[in-house]
Amino acid sequence: MNKHIPLAGAALLGSLVLTGSVLAQSSSTSAAKRTIYMSAVEYKGSTTVDKEAFPTAAPPAGRGYKLTPPVDGRWENSTYRYEPGLIVVNRGELVELKIWGVNGAKHDTTIEGYNQAFVVKRGELTTITFKADKPGIFRIICHDHAPSMETQLLVLDSKTRR
């Protein structure tokens, strides 16, 4: 029988206990505040009418989508977006959103269900902090560039967390 097996087993057990302790500490620490970085961006695409015909259908209503008719044979399209498009947090976490304004002069925004209203401006970092105290799906929506400039905030209830 090898004498090192009980010693190796004890070392492994000690390592697992220590790892579990560190994970428990880091998850309780991270639950205190979650910082999420976002960007307010505009995606643009263009082509020429000799490669692709200008679309005949109008874009969806609102200022979030834009089609620019051909000028000198070239046409463009664009859309405004918040990135990322989905944010997942746990109920009870303090959430800090740091949103960098890349495109668009301003974005009047709300987080529905959380009474949060703020403005994101080009070239500025906007920070919003709130407690995720209600589980569900909530829209973070720019009212200047609806319907495309929207992020979904998913707040997981502690009962559904795994």
Protein backbone atom coordinates (compact mmCIF):
# COMPACT_ATOMS: atom_id res chain seq x y z
CA MET A 1 0.00 0.00 0.00
CA ASN A 2 1.24 3.47 -0.89
CA LYS A 3 1.72 5.81 2.15
CA HIS A 4 1.29 8.90 -0.06
CA ILE A 5 -2.35 8.28 -0.97
CA PRO A 6 -3.78 9.38 2.43
CA LEU A 7 -1.49 12.41 2.40
CA ALA A 8 -2.50 13.27 -1.19
CA GLY A 9 -6.17 12.81 -0.25
CA ALA A 10 -5.81 15.13 2.73
CA ALA A 11 -4.06 17.71 0.55
CA LEU A 12 -6.82 17.47 -2.05
CA LEU A 13 -9.53 17.80 0.60
CA GLY A 14 -7.76 20.81 2.14
CA SER A 15 -7.44 22.38 -1.31
CA LEU A 16 -11.16 21.90 -2.03
CA VAL A 17 -12.13 23.40 1.34
CA LEU A 18 -9.86 26.39 0.73
CA THR A 19 -11.19 26.83 -2.82
CA GLY A 20 -14.77 26.66 -1.57
CA SER A 21 -14.00 29.25 1.06
CA VAL A 22 -12.41 31.59 -1.50
CA LEU A 23 -15.33 31.12 -3.91
CA ALA A 24 -17.85 31.81 -1.14
CA GLN A 25 -15.96 34.97 -0.17
CA SER A 26 -15.60 36.19 -3.75
CA SER A 27 -19.26 35.58 -4.58
CA SER A 28 -20.44 37.38 -1.46
CA THR A 29 -18.05 40.23 -2.27
CA SER A 30 -19.08 40.42 -5.93
CA ALA A 31 -22.76 40.40 -4.95
CA ALA A 32 -22.20 43.71 -3.19
CA LYS A 33 -21.67 45.59 -6.46
CA ARG A 34 -21.60 44.58 -10.10
CA THR A 35 -20.09 47.03 -12.61
CA ILE A 36 -21.15 46.64 -16.24
CA TYR A 37 -19.63 48.61 -19.10
CA MET A 38 -21.87 49.59 -22.02
CA SER A 39 -21.59 51.66 -25.19
CA ALA A 40 -24.01 53.83 -27.13
CA VAL A 41 -23.13 53.11 -30.76
CA GLU A 42 -24.34 53.62 -34.31
CA TYR A 43 -23.78 50.88 -36.84
CA LYS A 44 -23.50 52.07 -40.45
CA GLY A 45 -23.45 50.28 -43.72
CA SER A 46 -23.33 51.49 -47.30
CA THR A 47 -23.18 50.23 -50.86
CA THR A 48 -23.80 51.44 -54.40
CA VAL A 49 -26.95 51.04 -56.47
CA ASP A 50 -25.01 49.08 -59.10
CA LYS A 51 -24.29 46.41 -56.44
CA GLU A 52 -27.60 46.52 -54.55
CA ALA A 53 -30.85 48.30 -55.30
CA PHE A 54 -32.02 50.87 -52.78
CA PRO A 55 -34.67 49.21 -50.55
CA THR A 56 -38.27 50.00 -51.38
CA ALA A 57 -39.63 49.18 -47.91
CA ALA A 58 -39.45 51.90 -45.28
CA PRO A 59 -37.45 51.19 -42.12
CA PRO A 60 -39.37 50.64 -38.84
CA ALA A 61 -40.92 53.78 -37.35
CA GLY A 62 -38.80 55.85 -34.97
CA ARG A 63 -35.34 57.33 -35.17
CA GLY A 64 -33.45 54.11 -34.39
CA TYR A 65 -33.19 53.03 -38.04
CA LYS A 66 -32.24 55.25 -40.96
CA LEU A 67 -32.05 54.79 -44.73
CA THR A 68 -30.32 57.50 -46.74
CA PRO A 69 -31.35 57.58 -50.42
CA PRO A 70 -28.61 57.32 -53.06
CA VAL A 71 -26.28 60.25 -53.59
CA ASP A 72 -23.94 59.80 -56.56
CA GLY A 73 -25.10 56.17 -56.70
CA ARG A 74 -24.22 55.35 -53.06
CA TRP A 75 -26.82 54.70 -50.34
CA GLU A 76 -26.45 54.18 -46.59
CA ASN A 77 -28.29 52.66 -43.69
CA SER A 78 -27.69 52.86 -39.96
CA THR A 79 -29.07 51.84 -36.60
CA TYR A 80 -28.43 52.95 -33.04
CA ARG A 81 -27.80 50.34 -30.33
CA TYR A 82 -26.86 49.97 -26.72
CA GLU A 83 -24.24 47.26 -26.32
CA PRO A 84 -24.43 44.74 -24.80
CA GLY A 85 -28.01 43.90 -25.69
CA LEU A 86 -28.58 41.82 -22.55
CA ILE A 87 -27.46 42.38 -18.97
CA VAL A 88 -27.96 39.65 -16.37
CA VAL A 89 -27.72 40.40 -12.65
CA ASN A 90 -28.91 38.77 -9.46
CA ARG A 91 -31.67 40.19 -7.29
CA GLY A 92 -30.20 42.18 -4.42
CA GLU A 93 -27.03 43.23 -6.25
CA LEU A 94 -25.98 46.83 -6.42
CA VAL A 95 -25.63 47.47 -10.16
CA GLU A 96 -23.37 50.14 -11.60
CA LEU A 97 -23.77 50.84 -15.32
CA LYS A 98 -20.95 52.78 -16.97
CA ILE A 99 -22.13 53.86 -20.41
CA TRP A 100 -19.75 55.45 -22.92
CA GLY A 101 -21.39 57.69 -25.54
CA VAL A 102 -19.77 56.87 -28.88
CA ASN A 103 -22.32 58.06 -31.43
CA GLY A 104 -25.30 60.38 -31.25
CA ALA A 105 -25.25 63.74 -29.50
CA LYS A 106 -27.51 62.53 -26.67
CA HIS A 107 -29.59 59.58 -25.58
CA ASP A 108 -32.49 60.26 -23.18
CA THR A 109 -32.79 56.90 -21.46
CA THR A 110 -34.88 55.14 -18.82
CA ILE A 111 -34.75 51.81 -17.05
CA GLU A 112 -38.38 50.77 -17.00
CA GLY A 113 -39.59 49.50 -13.64
CA TYR A 114 -36.68 51.07 -11.76
CA ASN A 115 -37.51 54.81 -11.95
CA GLN A 116 -34.10 55.51 -13.46
CA ALA A 117 -33.82 58.28 -16.05
CA PHE A 118 -30.53 59.61 -17.41
CA VAL A 119 -28.86 61.13 -20.48
CA VAL A 120 -25.85 59.63 -22.26
CA LYS A 121 -23.82 62.12 -24.30
CA ARG A 122 -21.21 61.56 -26.98
CA GLY A 123 -17.68 61.50 -25.57
CA GLU A 124 -18.83 61.19 -21.96
CA LEU A 125 -19.06 58.36 -19.44
CA THR A 126 -22.43 58.23 -17.70
CA THR A 127 -22.64 56.21 -14.47
CA ILE A 128 -25.93 54.95 -13.06
CA THR A 129 -26.16 52.98 -9.82
CA PHE A 130 -29.23 51.16 -8.53
CA LYS A 131 -30.17 48.14 -6.46
CA ALA A 132 -31.63 45.26 -8.50
CA ASP A 133 -34.43 44.62 -6.02
CA LYS A 134 -37.13 43.41 -8.45
CA PRO A 135 -36.79 40.19 -10.46
CA GLY A 136 -37.89 40.18 -14.09
CA ILE A 137 -37.00 41.60 -17.48
CA PHE A 138 -36.74 45.38 -17.77
CA ARG A 139 -36.04 47.54 -20.82
CA ILE A 140 -33.20 50.05 -20.83
CA ILE A 141 -34.38 52.21 -23.69
CA CYS A 142 -33.14 55.34 -25.44
CA HIS A 143 -36.24 57.38 -26.28
CA ASP A 144 -34.35 59.38 -28.93
CA HIS A 145 -33.51 56.28 -31.01
CA ALA A 146 -36.37 53.84 -30.40
CA PRO A 147 -37.07 51.10 -31.21
CA SER A 148 -33.58 49.76 -31.92
CA MET A 149 -31.60 51.32 -29.07
CA GLU A 150 -32.63 49.06 -26.24
CA THR A 151 -30.97 46.67 -23.81
CA GLN A 152 -32.76 44.03 -21.78
CA LEU A 153 -31.99 43.93 -18.04
CA LEU A 154 -32.65 40.44 -16.65
CA VAL A 155 -32.78 40.35 -12.85
CA LEU A 156 -32.67 36.76 -11.61
CA ASP A 157 -34.58 35.94 -8.46
CA SER A 158 -32.55 34.15 -5.80
CA LYS A 159 -34.88 31.14 -6.17
CA THR A 160 -33.93 30.75 -9.84
CA ARG A 161 -30.17 31.29 -9.38
CA ARG A 162 -28.03 28.22 -9.79
